[in-house]
């Protein structure tokens, strides 16, 4: 199993995250992954790391398929692949109506089709040939990538069974977020079905999973922070269904109803201890390492640690995040 670090932008900021990523490479981490929500874009941190690291694979998990046309995605992805000497992996996904529609002002329609067509048009562009593509959600005509043919692995972020199936059919890997280890085999059933239906060997495709980790940290402050975080995602319909599909139907329903009725505190309270413990590795170092090993046993090939901390002081939060990065590497190396 490959071990990756999700750069902890929200926890310690951009510059400190880049320093920690370089430290992670020295510790033996295999990957470093950026993300893209409302802070830094996903490509810029990786460009900085491409120039200051030499070994780790650099991935973006993920770029919304709606917010950049395929030609621009091809330009960015190919550029990063060149400057990183072939270490870049592009993650694509549908994102959410709030980010795509309300934040970015784009139309969020036919998300599965949009992801599929973006992958198809993007691969044509990365081939170096002139692109003439007309789909149901996008068109690209007369574009030719000046950098020439550039191979870039494309992973697809999935929540529901149809997107897992698509990832197996057209992706080089699947990206799983907010997935419990016990649910990974169930989630991968559609992924493997999609691969087999496309005549592909699912064993040759990557299974990537990001897990929030707070090693050697516990207590009500951390749990309250994590519950608020999970509510932020769990009240989005696609993520809510994702939680229900993993066996958390009761929590998902209670969370959604409380949020719809503007009972914010009740929505946070709907995150049960079982849901919290299933999705987040926190507490003693031993418990965290044991939980992370369960992902390997469940079929995850690339495990990406997203270190978090509830420490209010920025310096202490930085220390705890860095400690988590060290604990996980040392524990999984044994």
C-alpha atoms as a PDB file:
ATOM      1  CA  UNK A   1       0.000   0.000   0.000  1.00  0.00           C
ATOM      2  CA  UNK A   2       1.283   3.435  -0.984  1.00  0.00           C
ATOM      3  CA  UNK A   3       1.235   6.041   1.784  1.00  0.00           C
ATOM      4  CA  UNK A   4       0.323   9.592   0.897  1.00  0.00           C
ATOM      5  CA  UNK A   5      -0.080  12.926   2.640  1.00  0.00           C
ATOM      6  CA  UNK A   6      -2.934  15.316   1.944  1.00  0.00           C
ATOM      7  CA  UNK A   7      -1.398  18.755   2.370  1.00  0.00           C
ATOM      8  CA  UNK A   8      -3.176  20.143   5.477  1.00  0.00           C
ATOM      9  CA  UNK A   9      -3.966  23.570   4.069  1.00  0.00           C
ATOM     10  CA  UNK A  10      -6.813  24.387   6.452  1.00  0.00           C
ATOM     11  CA  UNK A  11      -4.933  23.204   9.521  1.00  0.00           C
ATOM     12  CA  UNK A  12      -1.574  24.924   9.078  1.00  0.00           C
ATOM     13  CA  UNK A  13      -1.740  27.076   5.943  1.00  0.00           C
ATOM     14  CA  UNK A  14      -0.110  26.862   2.526  1.00  0.00           C
ATOM     15  CA  UNK A  15       3.563  27.596   3.226  1.00  0.00           C
ATOM     16  CA  UNK A  16       3.748  25.338   6.271  1.00  0.00           C
ATOM     17  CA  UNK A  17       1.937  22.591   4.331  1.00  0.00           C
ATOM     18  CA  UNK A  18       4.554  22.698   1.580  1.00  0.00           C
ATOM     19  CA  UNK A  19       7.333  22.428   4.160  1.00  0.00           C
ATOM     20  CA  UNK A  20       5.556  19.457   5.741  1.00  0.00           C
ATOM     21  CA  UNK A  21       5.128  17.806   2.337  1.00  0.00           C
ATOM     22  CA  UNK A  22       8.866  17.998   1.718  1.00  0.00           C
ATOM     23  CA  UNK A  23       9.461  16.559   5.180  1.00  0.00           C
ATOM     24  CA  UNK A  24       7.034  13.742   4.381  1.00  0.00           C
ATOM     25  CA  UNK A  25       9.083  12.823   1.323  1.00  0.00           C
ATOM     26  CA  UNK A  26      12.189  12.574   3.509  1.00  0.00           C
ATOM     27  CA  UNK A  27      10.280  10.374   5.969  1.00  0.00           C
ATOM     28  CA  UNK A  28       9.376   7.908   3.230  1.00  0.00           C
ATOM     29  CA  UNK A  29       5.881   8.925   2.129  1.00  0.00           C
ATOM     30  CA  UNK A  30       5.107   7.855  -1.423  1.00  0.00           C
ATOM     31  CA  UNK A  31       2.611  10.554  -2.398  1.00  0.00           C
ATOM     32  CA  UNK A  32       1.594  14.131  -1.703  1.00  0.00           C
ATOM     33  CA  UNK A  33      -1.899  15.252  -2.705  1.00  0.00           C
ATOM     34  CA  UNK A  34      -3.433  18.702  -2.936  1.00  0.00           C
ATOM     35  CA  UNK A  35      -7.129  19.546  -2.939  1.00  0.00           C
ATOM     36  CA  UNK A  36      -9.316  22.380  -4.144  1.00  0.00           C
ATOM     37  CA  UNK A  37     -12.220  23.897  -2.229  1.00  0.00           C
ATOM     38  CA  UNK A  38     -12.088  27.620  -1.428  1.00  0.00           C
ATOM     39  CA  UNK A  39      -8.425  28.153  -0.527  1.00  0.00           C
ATOM     40  CA  UNK A  40      -5.490  27.618  -2.880  1.00  0.00           C
ATOM     41  CA  UNK A  41      -6.234  26.092  -6.253  1.00  0.00           C
ATOM     42  CA  UNK A  42      -5.139  22.483  -6.621  1.00  0.00           C
ATOM     43  CA  UNK A  43      -2.360  22.960  -9.163  1.00  0.00           C
ATOM     44  CA  UNK A  44      -0.225  25.732  -7.633  1.00  0.00           C
ATOM     45  CA  UNK A  45       0.948  23.827  -4.509  1.00  0.00           C
ATOM     46  CA  UNK A  46       1.928  20.864  -6.680  1.00  0.00           C
ATOM     47  CA  UNK A  47       3.895  23.087  -9.041  1.00  0.00           C
ATOM     48  CA  UNK A  48       5.860  24.382  -6.063  1.00  0.00           C
ATOM     49  CA  UNK A  49       6.474  20.827  -4.840  1.00  0.00           C
ATOM     50  CA  UNK A  50       7.478  19.624  -8.292  1.00  0.00           C
ATOM     51  CA  UNK A  51      10.427  21.999  -8.105  1.00  0.00           C
ATOM     52  CA  UNK A  52      11.434  21.112  -4.532  1.00  0.00           C
ATOM     53  CA  UNK A  53      10.854  17.340  -4.312  1.00  0.00           C
ATOM     54  CA  UNK A  54      12.371  14.537  -6.331  1.00  0.00           C
ATOM     55  CA  UNK A  55      10.580  11.264  -5.585  1.00  0.00           C
ATOM     56  CA  UNK A  56       7.005  11.569  -4.317  1.00  0.00           C
ATOM     57  CA  UNK A  57       4.078  11.221  -6.666  1.00  0.00           C
ATOM     58  CA  UNK A  58       2.089  14.470  -6.831  1.00  0.00           C
ATOM     59  CA  UNK A  59      -1.694  14.284  -7.135  1.00  0.00           C
ATOM     60  CA  UNK A  60      -4.697  16.576  -7.197  1.00  0.00           C
ATOM     61  CA  UNK A  61      -7.835  15.202  -5.534  1.00  0.00           C
ATOM     62  CA  UNK A  62      -9.735  16.614  -7.138  1.00  0.00           C
ATOM     63  CA  UNK A  63     -10.468  19.150  -9.892  1.00  0.00           C
ATOM     64  CA  UNK A  64     -14.189  19.687 -10.562  1.00  0.00           C
ATOM     65  CA  UNK A  65     -15.062  18.697 -14.125  1.00  0.00           C
ATOM     66  CA  UNK A  66     -17.358  21.718 -14.455  1.00  0.00           C
ATOM     67  CA  UNK A  67     -15.008  24.560 -13.532  1.00  0.00           C
ATOM     68  CA  UNK A  68     -12.314  24.190 -16.211  1.00  0.00           C
ATOM     69  CA  UNK A  69     -12.812  23.230 -19.859  1.00  0.00           C
ATOM     70  CA  UNK A  70     -10.892  20.139 -21.033  1.00  0.00           C
ATOM     71  CA  UNK A  71      -8.401  22.185 -23.058  1.00  0.00           C
ATOM     72  CA  UNK A  72      -7.369  24.218 -20.004  1.00  0.00           C
ATOM     73  CA  UNK A  73      -7.220  21.063 -17.881  1.00  0.00           C
ATOM     74  CA  UNK A  74      -4.942  19.497 -20.478  1.00  0.00           C
ATOM     75  CA  UNK A  75      -2.647  22.519 -20.459  1.00  0.00           C
ATOM     76  CA  UNK A  76      -2.375  22.523 -16.651  1.00  0.00           C
ATOM     77  CA  UNK A  77      -2.006  18.756 -16.320  1.00  0.00           C
ATOM     78  CA  UNK A  78       0.580  18.451 -19.072  1.00  0.00           C
ATOM     79  CA  UNK A  79       2.603  21.353 -17.679  1.00  0.00           C
ATOM     80  CA  UNK A  80       2.704  19.762 -14.231  1.00  0.00           C
ATOM     81  CA  UNK A  81       3.630  16.412 -15.729  1.00  0.00           C
ATOM     82  CA  UNK A  82       6.589  18.002 -17.520  1.00  0.00           C
ATOM     83  CA  UNK A  83       7.920  19.996 -14.570  1.00  0.00           C
ATOM     84  CA  UNK A  84       7.501  17.035 -12.187  1.00  0.00           C
ATOM     85  CA  UNK A  85       9.282  14.585 -14.505  1.00  0.00           C
ATOM     86  CA  UNK A  86       6.206  12.402 -14.857  1.00  0.00           C
ATOM     87  CA  UNK A  87       5.052  12.317 -11.221  1.00  0.00           C
ATOM     88  CA  UNK A  88       1.630  13.981 -11.599  1.00  0.00           C
ATOM     89  CA  UNK A  89      -1.803  12.346 -11.217  1.00  0.00           C
ATOM     90  CA  UNK A  90      -4.991  14.271 -11.999  1.00  0.00           C
ATOM     91  CA  UNK A  91      -8.142  13.573 -10.032  1.00  0.00           C
ATOM     92  CA  UNK A  92     -11.469  14.587 -11.554  1.00  0.00           C
ATOM     93  CA  UNK A  93     -14.919  14.636 -10.038  1.00  0.00           C
ATOM     94  CA  UNK A  94     -18.358  16.175 -10.197  1.00  0.00           C
ATOM     95  CA  UNK A  95     -17.924  18.339  -7.058  1.00  0.00           C
ATOM     96  CA  UNK A  96     -21.239  19.727  -5.754  1.00  0.00           C
ATOM     97  CA  UNK A  97     -24.032  22.078  -6.856  1.00  0.00           C
ATOM     98  CA  UNK A  98     -22.975  24.608  -4.223  1.00  0.00           C
ATOM     99  CA  UNK A  99     -19.361  24.846  -5.395  1.00  0.00           C
ATOM    100  CA  UNK A 100     -20.060  24.600  -9.123  1.00  0.00           C
ATOM    101  CA  UNK A 101     -23.255  26.608  -9.233  1.00  0.00           C
ATOM    102  CA  UNK A 102     -23.312  29.063  -6.342  1.00  0.00           C
ATOM    103  CA  UNK A 103     -19.564  29.679  -6.037  1.00  0.00           C
ATOM    104  CA  UNK A 104     -18.351  29.358  -9.606  1.00  0.00           C
ATOM    105  CA  UNK A 105     -21.489  30.375 -11.476  1.00  0.00           C
ATOM    106  CA  UNK A 106     -21.503  27.335 -13.754  1.00  0.00           C
ATOM    107  CA  UNK A 107     -24.438  25.025 -14.521  1.00  0.00           C
ATOM    108  CA  UNK A 108     -24.384  21.758 -12.570  1.00  0.00           C
ATOM    109  CA  UNK A 109     -26.175  19.381 -14.940  1.00  0.00           C
ATOM    110  CA  UNK A 110     -25.637  15.709 -15.784  1.00  0.00           C
ATOM    111  CA  UNK A 111     -22.644  15.324 -13.437  1.00  0.00           C
ATOM    112  CA  UNK A 112     -21.811  11.747 -14.402  1.00  0.00           C
ATOM    113  CA  UNK A 113     -21.983  12.579 -18.098  1.00  0.00           C
ATOM    114  CA  UNK A 114     -19.868  15.676 -17.548  1.00  0.00           C
ATOM    115  CA  UNK A 115     -17.128  13.699 -15.810  1.00  0.00           C
ATOM    116  CA  UNK A 116     -17.167  11.005 -18.509  1.00  0.00           C
ATOM    117  CA  UNK A 117     -17.004  13.527 -21.335  1.00  0.00           C
ATOM    118  CA  UNK A 118     -14.269  15.520 -19.605  1.00  0.00           C
ATOM    119  CA  UNK A 119     -12.141  12.372 -19.329  1.00  0.00           C
ATOM    120  CA  UNK A 120     -12.726  11.531 -22.993  1.00  0.00           C
ATOM    121  CA  UNK A 121     -11.968  15.046 -24.273  1.00  0.00           C
ATOM    122  CA  UNK A 122      -9.018  15.431 -21.921  1.00  0.00           C
ATOM    123  CA  UNK A 123      -7.423  12.202 -23.102  1.00  0.00           C
ATOM    124  CA  UNK A 124      -7.817  13.315 -26.703  1.00  0.00           C
ATOM    125  CA  UNK A 125      -6.138  16.622 -25.868  1.00  0.00           C
ATOM    126  CA  UNK A 126      -3.293  14.932 -23.997  1.00  0.00           C
ATOM    127  CA  UNK A 127      -2.641  12.716 -27.012  1.00  0.00           C
ATOM    128  CA  UNK A 128      -1.241  15.751 -28.799  1.00  0.00           C
ATOM    129  CA  UNK A 129      -3.657  15.403 -31.697  1.00  0.00           C
ATOM    130  CA  UNK A 130      -6.132  18.079 -32.781  1.00  0.00           C
ATOM    131  CA  UNK A 131      -9.310  17.688 -30.775  1.00  0.00           C
ATOM    132  CA  UNK A 132     -12.746  17.638 -32.380  1.00  0.00           C
ATOM    133  CA  UNK A 133     -15.136  16.514 -29.666  1.00  0.00           C
ATOM    134  CA  UNK A 134     -18.854  17.149 -29.297  1.00  0.00           C
ATOM    135  CA  UNK A 135     -20.671  15.825 -26.245  1.00  0.00           C
ATOM    136  CA  UNK A 136     -23.912  16.410 -24.402  1.00  0.00           C
ATOM    137  CA  UNK A 137     -22.275  18.743 -21.842  1.00  0.00           C
ATOM    138  CA  UNK A 138     -19.166  20.137 -23.560  1.00  0.00           C
ATOM    139  CA  UNK A 139     -17.527  20.788 -26.924  1.00  0.00           C
ATOM    140  CA  UNK A 140     -13.865  21.136 -27.882  1.00  0.00           C
ATOM    141  CA  UNK A 141     -12.917  21.965 -31.456  1.00  0.00           C
ATOM    142  CA  UNK A 142      -9.599  22.633 -33.219  1.00  0.00           C
ATOM    143  CA  UNK A 143      -7.522  22.550 -30.019  1.00  0.00           C
ATOM    144  CA  UNK A 144      -4.052  21.043 -30.144  1.00  0.00           C
ATOM    145  CA  UNK A 145      -1.833  20.851 -27.061  1.00  0.00           C
ATOM    146  CA  UNK A 146       1.437  22.579 -27.922  1.00  0.00           C
ATOM    147  CA  UNK A 147       3.349  20.444 -25.424  1.00  0.00           C
ATOM    148  CA  UNK A 148       2.661  17.354 -27.517  1.00  0.00           C
ATOM    149  CA  UNK A 149       1.551  13.945 -26.313  1.00  0.00           C
ATOM    150  CA  UNK A 150       1.700  13.783 -22.510  1.00  0.00           C
ATOM    151  CA  UNK A 151       0.552  10.809 -20.451  1.00  0.00           C
ATOM    152  CA  UNK A 152      -1.321  11.820 -17.296  1.00  0.00           C
ATOM    153  CA  UNK A 153      -3.109   9.213 -15.131  1.00  0.00           C
ATOM    154  CA  UNK A 154      -6.700  10.259 -14.422  1.00  0.00           C
ATOM    155  CA  UNK A 155      -8.433   9.170 -11.211  1.00  0.00           C
ATOM    156  CA  UNK A 156     -12.151   9.720 -10.705  1.00  0.00           C
ATOM    157  CA  UNK A 157     -13.751  10.783  -7.433  1.00  0.00           C
ATOM    158  CA  UNK A 158     -16.776   8.656  -6.640  1.00  0.00           C
ATOM    159  CA  UNK A 159     -19.574   8.706  -4.092  1.00  0.00           C
ATOM    160  CA  UNK A 160     -22.479   6.784  -5.613  1.00  0.00           C
ATOM    161  CA  UNK A 161     -22.473   3.383  -7.357  1.00  0.00           C
ATOM    162  CA  UNK A 162     -22.813   4.891 -10.850  1.00  0.00           C
ATOM    163  CA  UNK A 163     -19.726   7.061 -10.400  1.00  0.00           C
ATOM    164  CA  UNK A 164     -17.786   4.116  -8.967  1.00  0.00           C
ATOM    165  CA  UNK A 165     -18.810   2.149 -12.048  1.00  0.00           C
ATOM    166  CA  UNK A 166     -17.649   4.980 -14.316  1.00  0.00           C
ATOM    167  CA  UNK A 167     -14.315   5.145 -12.494  1.00  0.00           C
ATOM    168  CA  UNK A 168     -13.773   1.460 -13.177  1.00  0.00           C
ATOM    169  CA  UNK A 169     -14.746   1.827 -16.813  1.00  0.00           C
ATOM    170  CA  UNK A 170     -12.681   4.873 -17.816  1.00  0.00           C
ATOM    171  CA  UNK A 171     -10.397   5.905 -14.934  1.00  0.00           C
ATOM    172  CA  UNK A 172      -6.895   4.856 -13.970  1.00  0.00           C
ATOM    173  CA  UNK A 173      -8.046   4.774 -10.356  1.00  0.00           C
ATOM    174  CA  UNK A 174     -10.872   5.756  -8.044  1.00  0.00           C
ATOM    175  CA  UNK A 175     -10.792   8.393  -5.305  1.00  0.00           C
ATOM    176  CA  UNK A 176     -12.700   7.608  -2.096  1.00  0.00           C
ATOM    177  CA  UNK A 177     -13.318  10.270   0.527  1.00  0.00           C
ATOM    178  CA  UNK A 178     -15.225   9.882   3.812  1.00  0.00           C
ATOM    179  CA  UNK A 179     -15.199   6.140   3.429  1.00  0.00           C
ATOM    180  CA  UNK A 180     -15.136   3.728   6.367  1.00  0.00           C
ATOM    181  CA  UNK A 181     -12.758   0.793   6.085  1.00  0.00           C
ATOM    182  CA  UNK A 182     -15.540  -1.727   6.646  1.00  0.00           C
ATOM    183  CA  UNK A 183     -17.505  -0.248   3.717  1.00  0.00           C
ATOM    184  CA  UNK A 184     -14.686  -0.157   1.153  1.00  0.00           C
ATOM    185  CA  UNK A 185     -15.390  -3.662  -0.264  1.00  0.00           C
ATOM    186  CA  UNK A 186     -19.041  -2.728  -0.814  1.00  0.00           C
ATOM    187  CA  UNK A 187     -18.113   0.576  -2.459  1.00  0.00           C
ATOM    188  CA  UNK A 188     -15.653  -1.175  -4.759  1.00  0.00           C
ATOM    189  CA  UNK A 189     -18.205  -3.672  -6.064  1.00  0.00           C
ATOM    190  CA  UNK A 190     -19.520  -1.189  -8.637  1.00  0.00           C
ATOM    191  CA  UNK A 191     -15.966  -0.075  -9.449  1.00  0.00           C
ATOM    192  CA  UNK A 192     -14.915  -3.615 -10.288  1.00  0.00           C
ATOM    193  CA  UNK A 193     -18.127  -4.191 -12.216  1.00  0.00           C
ATOM    194  CA  UNK A 194     -17.440  -1.105 -14.329  1.00  0.00           C
ATOM    195  CA  UNK A 195     -13.899  -2.243 -15.063  1.00  0.00           C
ATOM    196  CA  UNK A 196     -14.979  -5.744 -16.015  1.00  0.00           C
ATOM    197  CA  UNK A 197     -17.752  -4.382 -18.232  1.00  0.00           C
ATOM    198  CA  UNK A 198     -15.192  -2.303 -20.116  1.00  0.00           C
ATOM    199  CA  UNK A 199     -12.914  -5.303 -20.574  1.00  0.00           C
ATOM    200  CA  UNK A 200     -10.388  -4.047 -18.020  1.00  0.00           C
ATOM    201  CA  UNK A 201      -8.678  -5.789 -15.137  1.00  0.00           C
ATOM    202  CA  UNK A 202      -9.780  -4.005 -11.935  1.00  0.00           C
ATOM    203  CA  UNK A 203      -6.644  -5.299 -10.231  1.00  0.00           C
ATOM    204  CA  UNK A 204      -4.566  -3.027 -12.457  1.00  0.00           C
ATOM    205  CA  UNK A 205      -6.412   0.107 -11.323  1.00  0.00           C
ATOM    206  CA  UNK A 206      -5.592   2.122  -8.225  1.00  0.00           C
ATOM    207  CA  UNK A 207      -7.899   2.376  -5.218  1.00  0.00           C
ATOM    208  CA  UNK A 208      -7.192   5.645  -3.400  1.00  0.00           C
ATOM    209  CA  UNK A 209      -8.687   6.642  -0.060  1.00  0.00           C
ATOM    210  CA  UNK A 210      -8.215   9.773   2.068  1.00  0.00           C
ATOM    211  CA  UNK A 211      -8.682   9.482   5.830  1.00  0.00           C
ATOM    212  CA  UNK A 212      -8.758  12.218   8.469  1.00  0.00           C
ATOM    213  CA  UNK A 213      -6.221  11.408  11.201  1.00  0.00           C
ATOM    214  CA  UNK A 214      -5.492  13.007  14.587  1.00  0.00           C
ATOM    215  CA  UNK A 215      -2.951  10.727  16.251  1.00  0.00           C
ATOM    216  CA  UNK A 216      -2.458  11.059  20.003  1.00  0.00           C
ATOM    217  CA  UNK A 217      -5.323  13.549  20.190  1.00  0.00           C
ATOM    218  CA  UNK A 218      -8.745  13.009  21.701  1.00  0.00           C
ATOM    219  CA  UNK A 219     -11.371  14.808  23.736  1.00  0.00           C
ATOM    220  CA  UNK A 220     -14.624  16.754  23.321  1.00  0.00           C
ATOM    221  CA  UNK A 221     -13.045  19.697  21.473  1.00  0.00           C
ATOM    222  CA  UNK A 222     -11.680  17.454  18.738  1.00  0.00           C
ATOM    223  CA  UNK A 223     -14.859  15.408  18.489  1.00  0.00           C
ATOM    224  CA  UNK A 224     -17.014  18.527  18.232  1.00  0.00           C
ATOM    225  CA  UNK A 225     -14.776  19.914  15.486  1.00  0.00           C
ATOM    226  CA  UNK A 226     -14.943  16.635  13.590  1.00  0.00           C
ATOM    227  CA  UNK A 227     -18.719  16.402  13.963  1.00  0.00           C
ATOM    228  CA  UNK A 228     -19.120  19.898  12.499  1.00  0.00           C
ATOM    229  CA  UNK A 229     -16.822  18.938   9.644  1.00  0.00           C
ATOM    230  CA  UNK A 230     -18.810  15.788   8.879  1.00  0.00           C
ATOM    231  CA  UNK A 231     -22.089  17.711   8.974  1.00  0.00           C
ATOM    232  CA  UNK A 232     -20.682  20.144   6.421  1.00  0.00           C
ATOM    233  CA  UNK A 233     -20.322  17.259   4.003  1.00  0.00           C
ATOM    234  CA  UNK A 234     -23.049  14.946   5.259  1.00  0.00           C
ATOM    235  CA  UNK A 235     -25.830  17.444   4.561  1.00  0.00           C
ATOM    236  CA  UNK A 236     -24.851  17.614   0.874  1.00  0.00           C
ATOM    237  CA  UNK A 237     -27.235  15.137  -0.826  1.00  0.00           C
ATOM    238  CA  UNK A 238     -24.542  13.116  -2.642  1.00  0.00           C
ATOM    239  CA  UNK A 239     -22.436  12.748   0.507  1.00  0.00           C
ATOM    240  CA  UNK A 240     -25.532  12.026   2.571  1.00  0.00           C
ATOM    241  CA  UNK A 241     -26.382   9.120   0.263  1.00  0.00           C
ATOM    242  CA  UNK A 242     -22.714   8.040   0.408  1.00  0.00           C
ATOM    243  CA  UNK A 243     -22.933   7.775   4.206  1.00  0.00           C
ATOM    244  CA  UNK A 244     -26.226   5.899   4.052  1.00  0.00           C
ATOM    245  CA  UNK A 245     -24.736   3.460   1.538  1.00  0.00           C
ATOM    246  CA  UNK A 246     -22.022   2.621   4.076  1.00  0.00           C
ATOM    247  CA  UNK A 247     -24.526   1.590   6.734  1.00  0.00           C
ATOM    248  CA  UNK A 248     -25.091   4.964   8.388  1.00  0.00           C
ATOM    249  CA  UNK A 249     -28.696   5.359   7.210  1.00  0.00           C
ATOM    250  CA  UNK A 250     -30.030   6.541  10.566  1.00  0.00           C
ATOM    251  CA  UNK A 251     -27.379   9.195  11.028  1.00  0.00           C
ATOM    252  CA  UNK A 252     -27.676  10.398   7.432  1.00  0.00           C
ATOM    253  CA  UNK A 253     -31.461  10.773   7.666  1.00  0.00           C
ATOM    254  CA  UNK A 254     -31.348  12.558  11.024  1.00  0.00           C
ATOM    255  CA  UNK A 255     -28.604  14.877   9.855  1.00  0.00           C
ATOM    256  CA  UNK A 256     -30.426  15.842   6.664  1.00  0.00           C
ATOM    257  CA  UNK A 257     -33.763  16.429   8.407  1.00  0.00           C
ATOM    258  CA  UNK A 258     -32.271  18.554  11.175  1.00  0.00           C
ATOM    259  CA  UNK A 259     -30.334  20.637   8.662  1.00  0.00           C
ATOM    260  CA  UNK A 260     -33.398  21.158   6.464  1.00  0.00           C
ATOM    261  CA  UNK A 261     -35.303  22.375   9.533  1.00  0.00           C
ATOM    262  CA  UNK A 262     -32.426  24.704  10.468  1.00  0.00           C
ATOM    263  CA  UNK A 263     -31.727  22.790  13.660  1.00  0.00           C
ATOM    264  CA  UNK A 264     -27.965  23.059  13.294  1.00  0.00           C
ATOM    265  CA  UNK A 265     -27.081  21.755  16.754  1.00  0.00           C
ATOM    266  CA  UNK A 266     -29.275  18.701  16.226  1.00  0.00           C
ATOM    267  CA  UNK A 267     -27.573  18.021  12.893  1.00  0.00           C
ATOM    268  CA  UNK A 268     -24.190  18.014  14.634  1.00  0.00           C
ATOM    269  CA  UNK A 269     -25.571  15.771  17.385  1.00  0.00           C
ATOM    270  CA  UNK A 270     -26.783  13.319  14.724  1.00  0.00           C
ATOM    271  CA  UNK A 271     -23.147  12.366  14.035  1.00  0.00           C
ATOM    272  CA  UNK A 272     -22.983   9.277  16.238  1.00  0.00           C
ATOM    273  CA  UNK A 273     -19.866   7.967  17.925  1.00  0.00           C
ATOM    274  CA  UNK A 274     -19.965   5.032  15.522  1.00  0.00           C
ATOM    275  CA  UNK A 275     -20.000   7.272  12.470  1.00  0.00           C
ATOM    276  CA  UNK A 276     -17.250   9.451  13.877  1.00  0.00           C
ATOM    277  CA  UNK A 277     -15.027   6.495  14.759  1.00  0.00           C
ATOM    278  CA  UNK A 278     -15.728   4.835  11.429  1.00  0.00           C
ATOM    279  CA  UNK A 279     -14.654   7.766   9.272  1.00  0.00           C
ATOM    280  CA  UNK A 280     -11.890   9.367  11.335  1.00  0.00           C
ATOM    281  CA  UNK A 281      -8.788   7.823  12.892  1.00  0.00           C
ATOM    282  CA  UNK A 282      -8.122   9.603  16.171  1.00  0.00           C
ATOM    283  CA  UNK A 283      -7.048   8.838  19.700  1.00  0.00           C
ATOM    284  CA  UNK A 284      -3.994   6.782  20.623  1.00  0.00           C
ATOM    285  CA  UNK A 285      -1.271   6.243  18.061  1.00  0.00           C
ATOM    286  CA  UNK A 286      -1.818   2.494  18.253  1.00  0.00           C
ATOM    287  CA  UNK A 287      -5.530   2.804  17.546  1.00  0.00           C
ATOM    288  CA  UNK A 288      -4.939   5.119  14.599  1.00  0.00           C
ATOM    289  CA  UNK A 289      -2.363   2.833  12.998  1.00  0.00           C
ATOM    290  CA  UNK A 290      -4.603  -0.195  13.500  1.00  0.00           C
ATOM    291  CA  UNK A 291      -7.524   1.585  11.858  1.00  0.00           C
ATOM    292  CA  UNK A 292      -5.392   2.667   8.914  1.00  0.00           C
ATOM    293  CA  UNK A 293      -4.152  -0.869   8.388  1.00  0.00           C
ATOM    294  CA  UNK A 294      -7.773  -1.932   8.030  1.00  0.00           C
ATOM    295  CA  UNK A 295      -7.999   0.121   4.838  1.00  0.00           C
ATOM    296  CA  UNK A 296      -5.146  -1.864   3.323  1.00  0.00           C
ATOM    297  CA  UNK A 297      -6.882  -5.085   4.240  1.00  0.00           C
ATOM    298  CA  UNK A 298     -10.108  -3.772   2.664  1.00  0.00           C
ATOM    299  CA  UNK A 299      -8.459  -3.236  -0.728  1.00  0.00           C
ATOM    300  CA  UNK A 300      -7.079   0.299  -0.606  1.00  0.00           C
ATOM    301  CA  UNK A 301      -3.845   0.611  -2.597  1.00  0.00           C
ATOM    302  CA  UNK A 302      -3.072   4.282  -1.929  1.00  0.00           C
ATOM    303  CA  UNK A 303      -3.898   5.522   1.573  1.00  0.00           C
ATOM    304  CA  UNK A 304      -3.740   9.295   1.950  1.00  0.00           C
ATOM    305  CA  UNK A 305      -3.500  10.711   5.463  1.00  0.00           C
ATOM    306  CA  UNK A 306      -5.235  14.040   6.057  1.00  0.00           C
ATOM    307  CA  UNK A 307      -3.823  15.232   9.417  1.00  0.00           C
ATOM    308  CA  UNK A 308      -6.090  17.400  11.567  1.00  0.00           C
ATOM    309  CA  UNK A 309      -6.033  18.905  15.037  1.00  0.00           C
ATOM    310  CA  UNK A 310      -8.394  20.903  17.239  1.00  0.00           C
ATOM    311  CA  UNK A 311      -5.618  22.787  19.024  1.00  0.00           C
ATOM    312  CA  UNK A 312      -6.653  26.484  19.113  1.00  0.00           C
ATOM    313  CA  UNK A 313      -3.086  27.783  19.147  1.00  0.00           C
ATOM    314  CA  UNK A 314      -1.619  27.721  15.596  1.00  0.00           C
ATOM    315  CA  UNK A 315       1.854  26.684  16.757  1.00  0.00           C
ATOM    316  CA  UNK A 316       0.468  23.810  18.827  1.00  0.00           C
ATOM    317  CA  UNK A 317      -1.835  22.779  15.987  1.00  0.00           C
ATOM    318  CA  UNK A 318       1.175  22.691  13.660  1.00  0.00           C
ATOM    319  CA  UNK A 319       3.112  20.562  16.137  1.00  0.00           C
ATOM    320  CA  UNK A 320       0.277  18.058  16.481  1.00  0.00           C
ATOM    321  CA  UNK A 321      -0.279  17.814  12.724  1.00  0.00           C
ATOM    322  CA  UNK A 322       3.418  17.188  12.167  1.00  0.00           C
ATOM    323  CA  UNK A 323       3.415  14.589  14.945  1.00  0.00           C
ATOM    324  CA  UNK A 324       0.544  12.752  13.254  1.00  0.00           C
ATOM    325  CA  UNK A 325       2.518  12.621  10.008  1.00  0.00           C
ATOM    326  CA  UNK A 326       5.464  11.054  11.831  1.00  0.00           C
ATOM    327  CA  UNK A 327       3.372   8.615  13.886  1.00  0.00           C
ATOM    328  CA  UNK A 328       1.525   7.255  10.861  1.00  0.00           C
ATOM    329  CA  UNK A 329       4.669   6.676   8.829  1.00  0.00           C
ATOM    330  CA  UNK A 330       6.500   5.007  11.690  1.00  0.00           C
ATOM    331  CA  UNK A 331       3.510   2.863  12.644  1.00  0.00           C
ATOM    332  CA  UNK A 332       2.685   1.628   9.145  1.00  0.00           C
ATOM    333  CA  UNK A 333       6.362   0.951   8.385  1.00  0.00           C
ATOM    334  CA  UNK A 334       6.536  -1.630  11.169  1.00  0.00           C
END
